[in-house]
Amino acid sequence: MLRRIGFRRTLAAALVVLGGWFGTPAANALIPYVYLPTEKELKGSSIGIGRTAAQLLQLGQAKEAARRAALAVRLNPNDERFWSILAEAQLRNNNLKDASRSLARAKQLNPEKAGLWFAEAAIALRAERPNNAVLLISRGLQLDPNNAAAYFDLGNARIMQGVLPLALKSFEKATALKPEFWEALNNQALVLYEMGQRQEAVRRWRRVLKLEPNAEPMLALAAALHQQGEQTEAIQLASRALAQNPNYVLPLHQTEQLWGVRIREATAQLLSETELTNSVERAQANATWKNRH
C-alpha cells in the first residue's frame, strides 16, 4: 500500500511538471497509466518463477530458490506446487518452522498428494520426531504404496524409535521396489550389525560397494572385518573411506548417520590401529562436519 501511494504521488508530481511545460492537455489526449496485469497473467508469471525456483534447488542455491518460491506463492497462492517448492527451499535453509507452515498450506490445497505427507515426515525426522514421522509416512504410503524413498525414511524413523526389526523390514521393502537403492541396502547392513547378524551385514555391505563405492559402507565394512580379524583388508578399506569422506572419522557424524552403538565401537577400535594413524589425523584435519555444528 505504501509503495502504491508513493508511486501515485510521484506520478502526480510528474504530471504537474509536464502540464507546466506543455500547457493544459486536450480533452482527448492520452493519459499515462499504470498497467495492472490480469489474474491469468500473474498465474502465468508464477509458473515461470516457480520453475526457476525448482531449478535453483537442483543447483543447490537454496536461498535464492526460497526467494523465488516466495514470490511465486504471492502471485499464485492457490497452487500447492509452489508451496511445496518453498517448503523444500526453507528446509534446505534449516528454517524448519517456516517449512512446516508452507507444507501445511500445501496440504490444505491438495491433501491427496502423497509427496506432501512424505515431505512433512522429512521435517519431522530432521526435528527428531520419529513417532510423528511414522504416522505421516504411513498416511503417504496409503496414497502412494510403491514409493521406495518413503520406505527408506520409514526405516530411518524406526531406527530412531529403536525398533530394529521394523526398520529392517522397511529398508528391505525399499530395495524390493528399487533393487539398486544402495542407501537402503547399506542401512539394512547397519541394522543387521546392531541385531548381531554380523556375517549377513558384511555380505550386504559387500553388495553395496558393488553398486556404489561410497565411504560410509566402506568404513562400516572395514570395521566389521576388523572385528573378524581380517586386518589387511580392513586397514585398506578404512584408509580409502577416510580419504573419500573425512567426516566419518568423527563419532558424532556417525551418530547423525544413524550408526548404532556396536558399529561405532567397532569403528573406534579399527581407527585406533597404528597403521591408520596418518589417515585418521588427516581426516580429523579435513573433516567439514564439525564446522557446521
C-alpha atoms as a PDB file:
ATOM      1  CA  MET A   1       0.000   0.000   0.000  1.00  0.00           C
ATOM      2  CA  LEU A   2       2.739   2.417   0.935  1.00  0.00           C
ATOM      3  CA  ARG A   3       4.610   1.659  -2.270  1.00  0.00           C
ATOM      4  CA  ARG A   4       1.447   2.321  -4.277  1.00  0.00           C
ATOM      5  CA  ILE A   5       0.855   5.634  -2.514  1.00  0.00           C
ATOM      6  CA  GLY A   6       4.434   6.677  -3.101  1.00  0.00           C
ATOM      7  CA  PHE A   7       4.173   5.827  -6.797  1.00  0.00           C
ATOM      8  CA  ARG A   8       0.943   7.780  -7.204  1.00  0.00           C
ATOM      9  CA  ARG A   9       2.469  10.863  -5.581  1.00  0.00           C
ATOM     10  CA  THR A  10       5.472  10.642  -7.860  1.00  0.00           C
ATOM     11  CA  LEU A  11       3.256  10.211 -10.919  1.00  0.00           C
ATOM     12  CA  ALA A  12       1.046  13.169  -9.908  1.00  0.00           C
ATOM     13  CA  ALA A  13       4.077  15.392  -9.423  1.00  0.00           C
ATOM     14  CA  ALA A  14       5.408  14.387 -12.820  1.00  0.00           C
ATOM     15  CA  LEU A  15       2.106  15.257 -14.481  1.00  0.00           C
ATOM     16  CA  VAL A  16       2.126  18.699 -12.822  1.00  0.00           C
ATOM     17  CA  VAL A  17       5.584  19.368 -14.247  1.00  0.00           C
ATOM     18  CA  LEU A  18       4.554  18.161 -17.693  1.00  0.00           C
ATOM     19  CA  GLY A  19       1.490  20.381 -17.538  1.00  0.00           C
ATOM     20  CA  GLY A  20       3.681  23.381 -16.765  1.00  0.00           C
ATOM     21  CA  TRP A  21       5.877  22.603 -19.766  1.00  0.00           C
ATOM     22  CA  PHE A  22       3.257  21.812 -22.358  1.00  0.00           C
ATOM     23  CA  GLY A  23       0.160  23.595 -21.117  1.00  0.00           C
ATOM     24  CA  THR A  24      -3.236  22.059 -20.379  1.00  0.00           C
ATOM     25  CA  PRO A  25      -3.704  18.807 -22.314  1.00  0.00           C
ATOM     26  CA  ALA A  26      -6.561  18.496 -24.783  1.00  0.00           C
ATOM     27  CA  ALA A  27      -9.654  16.620 -23.706  1.00  0.00           C
ATOM     28  CA  ASN A  28      -8.828  13.676 -25.948  1.00  0.00           C
ATOM     29  CA  ALA A  29      -5.113  13.492 -25.045  1.00  0.00           C
ATOM     30  CA  LEU A  30      -3.686  10.144 -23.882  1.00  0.00           C
ATOM     31  CA  ILE A  31      -3.225   9.988 -20.130  1.00  0.00           C
ATOM     32  CA  PRO A  32      -0.383   7.801 -18.814  1.00  0.00           C
ATOM     33  CA  TYR A  33      -1.493   4.948 -16.547  1.00  0.00           C
ATOM     34  CA  VAL A  34      -0.024   2.085 -14.590  1.00  0.00           C
ATOM     35  CA  TYR A  35      -0.577  -1.314 -16.267  1.00  0.00           C
ATOM     36  CA  LEU A  36      -2.061  -3.880 -13.896  1.00  0.00           C
ATOM     37  CA  PRO A  37      -1.585  -7.481 -15.068  1.00  0.00           C
ATOM     38  CA  THR A  38      -4.600  -9.744 -15.091  1.00  0.00           C
ATOM     39  CA  GLU A  39      -5.005 -12.680 -12.733  1.00  0.00           C
ATOM     40  CA  LYS A  40      -4.313 -15.029 -15.643  1.00  0.00           C
ATOM     41  CA  GLU A  41      -1.066 -13.234 -16.453  1.00  0.00           C
ATOM     42  CA  LEU A  42       0.013 -13.313 -12.804  1.00  0.00           C
ATOM     43  CA  LYS A  43      -0.569 -17.045 -12.696  1.00  0.00           C
ATOM     44  CA  GLY A  44       1.422 -17.448 -15.899  1.00  0.00           C
ATOM     45  CA  SER A  45       4.311 -15.472 -14.412  1.00  0.00           C
ATOM     46  CA  SER A  46       4.197 -17.550 -11.234  1.00  0.00           C
ATOM     47  CA  ILE A  47       4.717 -20.745 -13.233  1.00  0.00           C
ATOM     48  CA  GLY A  48       7.935 -19.423 -14.734  1.00  0.00           C
ATOM     49  CA  ILE A  49       9.175 -18.151 -11.379  1.00  0.00           C
ATOM     50  CA  GLY A  50       8.256 -21.408  -9.659  1.00  0.00           C
ATOM     51  CA  ARG A  51      10.065 -23.393 -12.320  1.00  0.00           C
ATOM     52  CA  THR A  52      13.153 -21.230 -11.809  1.00  0.00           C
ATOM     53  CA  ALA A  53      12.945 -21.810  -8.050  1.00  0.00           C
ATOM     54  CA  ALA A  54      12.854 -25.571  -8.613  1.00  0.00           C
ATOM     55  CA  GLN A  55      15.861 -25.364 -10.932  1.00  0.00           C
ATOM     56  CA  LEU A  56      17.782 -23.335  -8.362  1.00  0.00           C
ATOM     57  CA  LEU A  57      17.058 -26.030  -5.789  1.00  0.00           C
ATOM     58  CA  GLN A  58      18.533 -28.618  -8.128  1.00  0.00           C
ATOM     59  CA  LEU A  59      21.633 -26.441  -8.416  1.00  0.00           C
ATOM     60  CA  GLY A  60      21.940 -26.205  -4.652  1.00  0.00           C
ATOM     61  CA  GLN A  61      21.083 -22.491  -4.477  1.00  0.00           C
ATOM     62  CA  ALA A  62      18.553 -22.820  -1.658  1.00  0.00           C
ATOM     63  CA  LYS A  63      18.483 -19.178  -0.532  1.00  0.00           C
ATOM     64  CA  GLU A  64      17.745 -17.793  -3.979  1.00  0.00           C
ATOM     65  CA  ALA A  65      15.260 -20.619  -4.556  1.00  0.00           C
ATOM     66  CA  ALA A  66      13.405 -19.616  -1.395  1.00  0.00           C
ATOM     67  CA  ARG A  67      13.141 -16.010  -2.578  1.00  0.00           C
ATOM     68  CA  ARG A  68      11.788 -17.049  -5.974  1.00  0.00           C
ATOM     69  CA  ALA A  69       9.366 -19.546  -4.478  1.00  0.00           C
ATOM     70  CA  ALA A  70       8.088 -16.935  -2.014  1.00  0.00           C
ATOM     71  CA  LEU A  71       7.352 -14.639  -4.957  1.00  0.00           C
ATOM     72  CA  ALA A  72       5.599 -17.456  -6.804  1.00  0.00           C
ATOM     73  CA  VAL A  73       3.227 -18.124  -3.899  1.00  0.00           C
ATOM     74  CA  ARG A  74       2.439 -14.421  -3.608  1.00  0.00           C
ATOM     75  CA  LEU A  75       1.493 -14.339  -7.272  1.00  0.00           C
ATOM     76  CA  ASN A  76      -0.447 -17.586  -7.124  1.00  0.00           C
ATOM     77  CA  PRO A  77      -1.231 -18.668  -3.545  1.00  0.00           C
ATOM     78  CA  ASN A  78      -3.590 -21.455  -4.590  1.00  0.00           C
ATOM     79  CA  ASP A  79      -1.073 -23.753  -6.286  1.00  0.00           C
ATOM     80  CA  GLU A  80       0.311 -26.308  -3.845  1.00  0.00           C
ATOM     81  CA  ARG A  81       3.313 -26.936  -6.099  1.00  0.00           C
ATOM     82  CA  PHE A  82       4.782 -23.536  -5.272  1.00  0.00           C
ATOM     83  CA  TRP A  83       4.182 -24.015  -1.552  1.00  0.00           C
ATOM     84  CA  SER A  84       5.957 -27.378  -1.678  1.00  0.00           C
ATOM     85  CA  ILE A  85       8.918 -25.856  -3.548  1.00  0.00           C
ATOM     86  CA  LEU A  86       9.049 -23.073  -0.968  1.00  0.00           C
ATOM     87  CA  ALA A  87       8.924 -25.631   1.846  1.00  0.00           C
ATOM     88  CA  GLU A  88      11.803 -27.605   0.321  1.00  0.00           C
ATOM     89  CA  ALA A  89      13.889 -24.441  -0.037  1.00  0.00           C
ATOM     90  CA  GLN A  90      13.131 -23.449   3.551  1.00  0.00           C
ATOM     91  CA  LEU A  91      14.017 -26.939   4.734  1.00  0.00           C
ATOM     92  CA  ARG A  92      17.383 -26.774   2.985  1.00  0.00           C
ATOM     93  CA  ASN A  93      17.965 -23.412   4.677  1.00  0.00           C
ATOM     94  CA  ASN A  94      17.183 -25.085   8.039  1.00  0.00           C
ATOM     95  CA  ASN A  95      14.039 -22.987   8.505  1.00  0.00           C
ATOM     96  CA  LEU A  96      12.019 -25.900   9.879  1.00  0.00           C
ATOM     97  CA  LYS A  97       9.140 -23.829  11.254  1.00  0.00           C
ATOM     98  CA  ASP A  98       8.646 -21.925   8.008  1.00  0.00           C
ATOM     99  CA  ALA A  99       8.890 -25.153   6.026  1.00  0.00           C
ATOM    100  CA  SER A 100       6.225 -26.748   8.215  1.00  0.00           C
ATOM    101  CA  ARG A 101       3.893 -23.804   7.672  1.00  0.00           C
ATOM    102  CA  SER A 102       4.416 -23.898   3.914  1.00  0.00           C
ATOM    103  CA  LEU A 103       3.727 -27.628   3.801  1.00  0.00           C
ATOM    104  CA  ALA A 104       0.616 -27.199   5.920  1.00  0.00           C
ATOM    105  CA  ARG A 105      -0.675 -24.718   3.360  1.00  0.00           C
ATOM    106  CA  ALA A 106       0.170 -27.082   0.504  1.00  0.00           C
ATOM    107  CA  LYS A 107      -1.668 -29.941   2.212  1.00  0.00           C
ATOM    108  CA  GLN A 108      -4.739 -27.748   2.676  1.00  0.00           C
ATOM    109  CA  LEU A 109      -4.779 -27.193  -1.066  1.00  0.00           C
ATOM    110  CA  ASN A 110      -4.109 -30.818  -2.016  1.00  0.00           C
ATOM    111  CA  PRO A 111      -4.421 -33.293   0.877  1.00  0.00           C
ATOM    112  CA  GLU A 112      -4.348 -36.261  -1.502  1.00  0.00           C
ATOM    113  CA  LYS A 113      -0.815 -35.600  -2.735  1.00  0.00           C
ATOM    114  CA  ALA A 114       1.406 -38.222  -1.137  1.00  0.00           C
ATOM    115  CA  GLY A 115       4.596 -36.249  -1.617  1.00  0.00           C
ATOM    116  CA  LEU A 116       3.391 -33.549   0.757  1.00  0.00           C
ATOM    117  CA  TRP A 117       2.943 -36.100   3.548  1.00  0.00           C
ATOM    118  CA  PHE A 118       6.408 -37.509   2.857  1.00  0.00           C
ATOM    119  CA  ALA A 119       7.913 -34.030   2.880  1.00  0.00           C
ATOM    120  CA  GLU A 120       6.331 -33.230   6.227  1.00  0.00           C
ATOM    121  CA  ALA A 121       7.703 -36.513   7.537  1.00  0.00           C
ATOM    122  CA  ALA A 122      11.188 -35.459   6.408  1.00  0.00           C
ATOM    123  CA  ILE A 123      10.836 -32.320   8.509  1.00  0.00           C
ATOM    124  CA  ALA A 124       9.727 -34.413  11.480  1.00  0.00           C
ATOM    125  CA  LEU A 125      12.818 -36.592  11.070  1.00  0.00           C
ATOM    126  CA  ARG A 126      15.046 -33.522  10.936  1.00  0.00           C
ATOM    127  CA  ALA A 127      13.405 -32.319  14.142  1.00  0.00           C
ATOM    128  CA  GLU A 128      13.965 -35.772  15.702  1.00  0.00           C
ATOM    129  CA  ARG A 129      10.256 -36.556  15.987  1.00  0.00           C
ATOM    130  CA  PRO A 130      10.220 -40.136  14.657  1.00  0.00           C
ATOM    131  CA  ASN A 131       6.772 -41.017  16.053  1.00  0.00           C
ATOM    132  CA  ASN A 132       5.256 -38.143  14.115  1.00  0.00           C
ATOM    133  CA  ALA A 133       7.262 -39.119  11.022  1.00  0.00           C
ATOM    134  CA  VAL A 134       5.968 -42.699  11.111  1.00  0.00           C
ATOM    135  CA  LEU A 135       2.352 -41.504  11.143  1.00  0.00           C
ATOM    136  CA  LEU A 136       2.949 -39.078   8.275  1.00  0.00           C
ATOM    137  CA  ILE A 137       4.798 -41.622   6.127  1.00  0.00           C
ATOM    138  CA  SER A 138       2.139 -44.242   6.782  1.00  0.00           C
ATOM    139  CA  ARG A 139      -0.529 -41.826   5.568  1.00  0.00           C
ATOM    140  CA  GLY A 140       1.529 -41.002   2.486  1.00  0.00           C
ATOM    141  CA  LEU A 141       2.035 -44.691   1.707  1.00  0.00           C
ATOM    142  CA  GLN A 142      -1.730 -45.167   1.679  1.00  0.00           C
ATOM    143  CA  LEU A 143      -1.753 -42.750  -1.251  1.00  0.00           C
ATOM    144  CA  ASP A 144       1.485 -43.955  -2.881  1.00  0.00           C
ATOM    145  CA  PRO A 145       2.238 -47.504  -1.708  1.00  0.00           C
ATOM    146  CA  ASN A 146       5.178 -48.108  -4.066  1.00  0.00           C
ATOM    147  CA  ASN A 147       7.421 -45.236  -3.036  1.00  0.00           C
ATOM    148  CA  ALA A 148      10.870 -46.653  -2.248  1.00  0.00           C
ATOM    149  CA  ALA A 149      12.184 -43.391  -0.780  1.00  0.00           C
ATOM    150  CA  ALA A 150       9.269 -43.267   1.662  1.00  0.00           C
ATOM    151  CA  TYR A 151      10.063 -46.768   2.907  1.00  0.00           C
ATOM    152  CA  PHE A 152      13.682 -45.659   3.339  1.00  0.00           C
ATOM    153  CA  ASP A 153      12.579 -42.733   5.511  1.00  0.00           C
ATOM    154  CA  LEU A 154      10.236 -45.027   7.406  1.00  0.00           C
ATOM    155  CA  GLY A 155      13.195 -47.307   8.131  1.00  0.00           C
ATOM    156  CA  ASN A 156      15.193 -44.366   9.445  1.00  0.00           C
ATOM    157  CA  ALA A 157      12.295 -43.358  11.681  1.00  0.00           C
ATOM    158  CA  ARG A 158      12.107 -46.917  13.015  1.00  0.00           C
ATOM    159  CA  ILE A 159      15.836 -46.842  13.814  1.00  0.00           C
ATOM    160  CA  MET A 160      15.289 -43.621  15.759  1.00  0.00           C
ATOM    161  CA  GLN A 161      12.459 -45.347  17.622  1.00  0.00           C
ATOM    162  CA  GLY A 162      14.758 -48.265  18.386  1.00  0.00           C
ATOM    163  CA  VAL A 163      12.506 -50.772  16.608  1.00  0.00           C
ATOM    164  CA  LEU A 164      15.178 -52.503  14.541  1.00  0.00           C
ATOM    165  CA  PRO A 165      13.154 -55.412  13.078  1.00  0.00           C
ATOM    166  CA  LEU A 166      10.615 -52.970  11.650  1.00  0.00           C
ATOM    167  CA  ALA A 167      13.442 -50.780  10.372  1.00  0.00           C
ATOM    168  CA  LEU A 168      14.945 -53.752   8.548  1.00  0.00           C
ATOM    169  CA  LYS A 169      11.565 -54.632   7.060  1.00  0.00           C
ATOM    170  CA  SER A 170      11.149 -51.080   5.728  1.00  0.00           C
ATOM    171  CA  PHE A 171      14.617 -50.964   4.180  1.00  0.00           C
ATOM    172  CA  GLU A 172      14.060 -54.348   2.542  1.00  0.00           C
ATOM    173  CA  LYS A 173      10.768 -53.097   1.117  1.00  0.00           C
ATOM    174  CA  ALA A 174      12.660 -50.126  -0.341  1.00  0.00           C
ATOM    175  CA  THR A 175      15.170 -52.352  -2.150  1.00  0.00           C
ATOM    176  CA  ALA A 176      12.402 -54.687  -3.280  1.00  0.00           C
ATOM    177  CA  LEU A 177      10.857 -51.721  -5.070  1.00  0.00           C
ATOM    178  CA  LYS A 178      14.206 -50.313  -6.209  1.00  0.00           C
ATOM    179  CA  PRO A 179      16.932 -53.008  -6.303  1.00  0.00           C
ATOM    180  CA  GLU A 180      19.821 -50.555  -6.831  1.00  0.00           C
ATOM    181  CA  PHE A 181      18.808 -48.380  -3.876  1.00  0.00           C
ATOM    182  CA  TRP A 182      22.203 -48.738  -2.252  1.00  0.00           C
ATOM    183  CA  GLU A 183      21.455 -46.389   0.652  1.00  0.00           C
ATOM    184  CA  ALA A 184      18.624 -48.666   1.764  1.00  0.00           C
ATOM    185  CA  LEU A 185      20.838 -51.735   1.385  1.00  0.00           C
ATOM    186  CA  ASN A 186      23.538 -50.021   3.439  1.00  0.00           C
ATOM    187  CA  ASN A 187      21.053 -49.311   6.212  1.00  0.00           C
ATOM    188  CA  GLN A 188      19.924 -52.930   6.150  1.00  0.00           C
ATOM    189  CA  ALA A 189      23.523 -53.856   6.969  1.00  0.00           C
ATOM    190  CA  LEU A 190      23.708 -51.260   9.751  1.00  0.00           C
ATOM    191  CA  VAL A 191      20.567 -52.678  11.338  1.00  0.00           C
ATOM    192  CA  LEU A 192      21.689 -56.278  10.928  1.00  0.00           C
ATOM    193  CA  TYR A 193      25.011 -55.495  12.587  1.00  0.00           C
ATOM    194  CA  GLU A 194      23.239 -53.999  15.596  1.00  0.00           C
ATOM    195  CA  MET A 195      20.984 -57.057  15.751  1.00  0.00           C
ATOM    196  CA  GLY A 196      24.038 -59.307  15.999  1.00  0.00           C
ATOM    197  CA  GLN A 197      23.786 -60.705  12.464  1.00  0.00           C
ATOM    198  CA  ARG A 198      27.301 -59.649  11.548  1.00  0.00           C
ATOM    199  CA  GLN A 199      28.032 -62.106   8.748  1.00  0.00           C
ATOM    200  CA  GLU A 200      24.879 -61.090   6.899  1.00  0.00           C
ATOM    201  CA  ALA A 201      25.729 -57.425   7.473  1.00  0.00           C
ATOM    202  CA  VAL A 202      29.142 -57.991   5.870  1.00  0.00           C
ATOM    203  CA  ARG A 203      27.545 -59.701   2.888  1.00  0.00           C
ATOM    204  CA  ARG A 204      25.176 -56.782   2.326  1.00  0.00           C
ATOM    205  CA  TRP A 205      27.911 -54.173   2.680  1.00  0.00           C
ATOM    206  CA  ARG A 206      29.884 -56.000   0.013  1.00  0.00           C
ATOM    207  CA  ARG A 207      26.807 -55.864  -2.223  1.00  0.00           C
ATOM    208  CA  VAL A 208      26.533 -52.129  -1.542  1.00  0.00           C
ATOM    209  CA  LEU A 209      30.111 -51.500  -2.638  1.00  0.00           C
ATOM    210  CA  LYS A 210      29.432 -53.255  -5.930  1.00  0.00           C
ATOM    211  CA  LEU A 211      26.659 -50.729  -6.527  1.00  0.00           C
ATOM    212  CA  GLU A 212      28.372 -47.653  -5.089  1.00  0.00           C
ATOM    213  CA  PRO A 213      31.921 -47.382  -3.657  1.00  0.00           C
ATOM    214  CA  ASN A 214      30.767 -44.933  -1.006  1.00  0.00           C
ATOM    215  CA  ALA A 215      32.769 -44.041   2.106  1.00  0.00           C
ATOM    216  CA  GLU A 216      30.046 -44.964   4.598  1.00  0.00           C
ATOM    217  CA  PRO A 217      29.581 -48.651   3.701  1.00  0.00           C
ATOM    218  CA  MET A 218      33.299 -48.875   3.031  1.00  0.00           C
ATOM    219  CA  LEU A 219      34.243 -47.820   6.557  1.00  0.00           C
ATOM    220  CA  ALA A 220      31.442 -49.832   8.154  1.00  0.00           C
ATOM    221  CA  LEU A 221      32.562 -52.950   6.297  1.00  0.00           C
ATOM    222  CA  ALA A 222      36.148 -52.271   7.338  1.00  0.00           C
ATOM    223  CA  ALA A 223      35.089 -52.080  10.995  1.00  0.00           C
ATOM    224  CA  ALA A 224      33.138 -55.323  10.721  1.00  0.00           C
ATOM    225  CA  LEU A 225      36.048 -57.117   9.026  1.00  0.00           C
ATOM    226  CA  HIS A 226      38.456 -55.823  11.662  1.00  0.00           C
ATOM    227  CA  GLN A 227      36.303 -57.458  14.320  1.00  0.00           C
ATOM    228  CA  GLN A 228      36.652 -60.735  12.392  1.00  0.00           C
ATOM    229  CA  GLY A 229      40.428 -60.440  12.343  1.00  0.00           C
ATOM    230  CA  GLU A 230      40.702 -59.574   8.638  1.00  0.00           C
ATOM    231  CA  GLN A 231      43.246 -56.869   9.349  1.00  0.00           C
ATOM    232  CA  THR A 232      44.755 -56.201   5.935  1.00  0.00           C
ATOM    233  CA  GLU A 233      41.519 -55.622   4.048  1.00  0.00           C
ATOM    234  CA  ALA A 234      40.069 -53.648   6.953  1.00  0.00           C
ATOM    235  CA  ILE A 235      43.016 -51.214   7.001  1.00  0.00           C
ATOM    236  CA  GLN A 236      42.909 -50.754   3.223  1.00  0.00           C
ATOM    237  CA  LEU A 237      39.168 -50.079   3.163  1.00  0.00           C
ATOM    238  CA  ALA A 238      39.307 -47.701   6.126  1.00  0.00           C
ATOM    239  CA  SER A 239      42.128 -45.682   4.587  1.00  0.00           C
ATOM    240  CA  ARG A 240      40.196 -45.303   1.324  1.00  0.00           C
ATOM    241  CA  ALA A 241      36.988 -44.407   3.144  1.00  0.00           C
ATOM    242  CA  LEU A 242      38.569 -41.660   5.248  1.00  0.00           C
ATOM    243  CA  ALA A 243      40.290 -40.179   2.218  1.00  0.00           C
ATOM    244  CA  GLN A 244      36.974 -40.112   0.350  1.00  0.00           C
ATOM    245  CA  ASN A 245      34.902 -38.640   3.211  1.00  0.00           C
ATOM    246  CA  PRO A 246      36.888 -37.449   6.246  1.00  0.00           C
ATOM    247  CA  ASN A 247      33.685 -36.696   8.188  1.00  0.00           C
ATOM    248  CA  TYR A 248      33.274 -40.373   9.063  1.00  0.00           C
ATOM    249  CA  VAL A 249      36.272 -40.152  11.370  1.00  0.00           C
ATOM    250  CA  LEU A 250      34.011 -38.263  13.789  1.00  0.00           C
ATOM    251  CA  PRO A 251      31.748 -40.312  16.089  1.00  0.00           C
ATOM    252  CA  LEU A 252      29.137 -37.530  16.108  1.00  0.00           C
ATOM    253  CA  HIS A 253      28.875 -37.704  12.342  1.00  0.00           C
ATOM    254  CA  GLN A 254      28.469 -41.457  12.531  1.00  0.00           C
ATOM    255  CA  THR A 255      25.683 -40.975  15.065  1.00  0.00           C
ATOM    256  CA  GLU A 256      23.959 -38.449  12.822  1.00  0.00           C
ATOM    257  CA  GLN A 257      24.029 -41.055  10.060  1.00  0.00           C
ATOM    258  CA  LEU A 258      22.159 -43.439  12.421  1.00  0.00           C
ATOM    259  CA  TRP A 259      25.102 -45.729  13.114  1.00  0.00           C
ATOM    260  CA  GLY A 260      24.341 -47.861  16.139  1.00  0.00           C
ATOM    261  CA  VAL A 261      26.460 -48.364  19.237  1.00  0.00           C
ATOM    262  CA  ARG A 262      28.026 -51.639  18.082  1.00  0.00           C
ATOM    263  CA  ILE A 263      29.270 -50.396  14.708  1.00  0.00           C
ATOM    264  CA  ARG A 264      30.561 -47.170  16.268  1.00  0.00           C
ATOM    265  CA  GLU A 265      32.509 -49.129  18.865  1.00  0.00           C
ATOM    266  CA  ALA A 266      33.924 -51.430  16.193  1.00  0.00           C
ATOM    267  CA  THR A 267      34.939 -48.389  14.134  1.00  0.00           C
ATOM    268  CA  ALA A 268      36.656 -46.763  17.118  1.00  0.00           C
ATOM    269  CA  GLN A 269      38.713 -49.923  17.659  1.00  0.00           C
ATOM    270  CA  LEU A 270      39.664 -50.023  13.983  1.00  0.00           C
ATOM    271  CA  LEU A 271      40.688 -46.362  13.861  1.00  0.00           C
ATOM    272  CA  SER A 272      42.943 -46.832  16.880  1.00  0.00           C
ATOM    273  CA  GLU A 273      45.239 -49.106  14.854  1.00  0.00           C
ATOM    274  CA  THR A 274      48.695 -47.588  14.366  1.00  0.00           C
ATOM    275  CA  GLU A 275      48.586 -48.359  10.627  1.00  0.00           C
ATOM    276  CA  LEU A 276      45.760 -45.837  10.334  1.00  0.00           C
ATOM    277  CA  THR A 277      47.281 -43.063  12.447  1.00  0.00           C
ATOM    278  CA  ASN A 278      48.198 -40.870   9.477  1.00  0.00           C
ATOM    279  CA  SER A 279      44.844 -41.441   7.754  1.00  0.00           C
ATOM    280  CA  VAL A 280      42.942 -40.622  10.927  1.00  0.00           C
ATOM    281  CA  GLU A 281      44.913 -37.445  11.595  1.00  0.00           C
ATOM    282  CA  ARG A 282      44.400 -36.251   8.013  1.00  0.00           C
ATOM    283  CA  ALA A 283      40.688 -36.975   8.233  1.00  0.00           C
ATOM    284  CA  GLN A 284      40.360 -35.119  11.522  1.00  0.00           C
ATOM    285  CA  ALA A 285      42.085 -32.110   9.980  1.00  0.00           C
ATOM    286  CA  ASN A 286      39.941 -32.175   6.823  1.00  0.00           C
ATOM    287  CA  ALA A 287      36.550 -33.006   8.320  1.00  0.00           C
ATOM    288  CA  THR A 288      33.962 -30.369   7.447  1.00  0.00           C
ATOM    289  CA  TRP A 289      31.051 -31.730   9.511  1.00  0.00           C
ATOM    290  CA  LYS A 290      32.422 -30.225  12.737  1.00  0.00           C
ATOM    291  CA  ASN A 291      32.392 -26.762  11.160  1.00  0.00           C
ATOM    292  CA  ARG A 292      28.634 -26.999  10.563  1.00  0.00           C
ATOM    293  CA  HIS A 293      27.732 -27.794  14.148  1.00  0.00           C
END
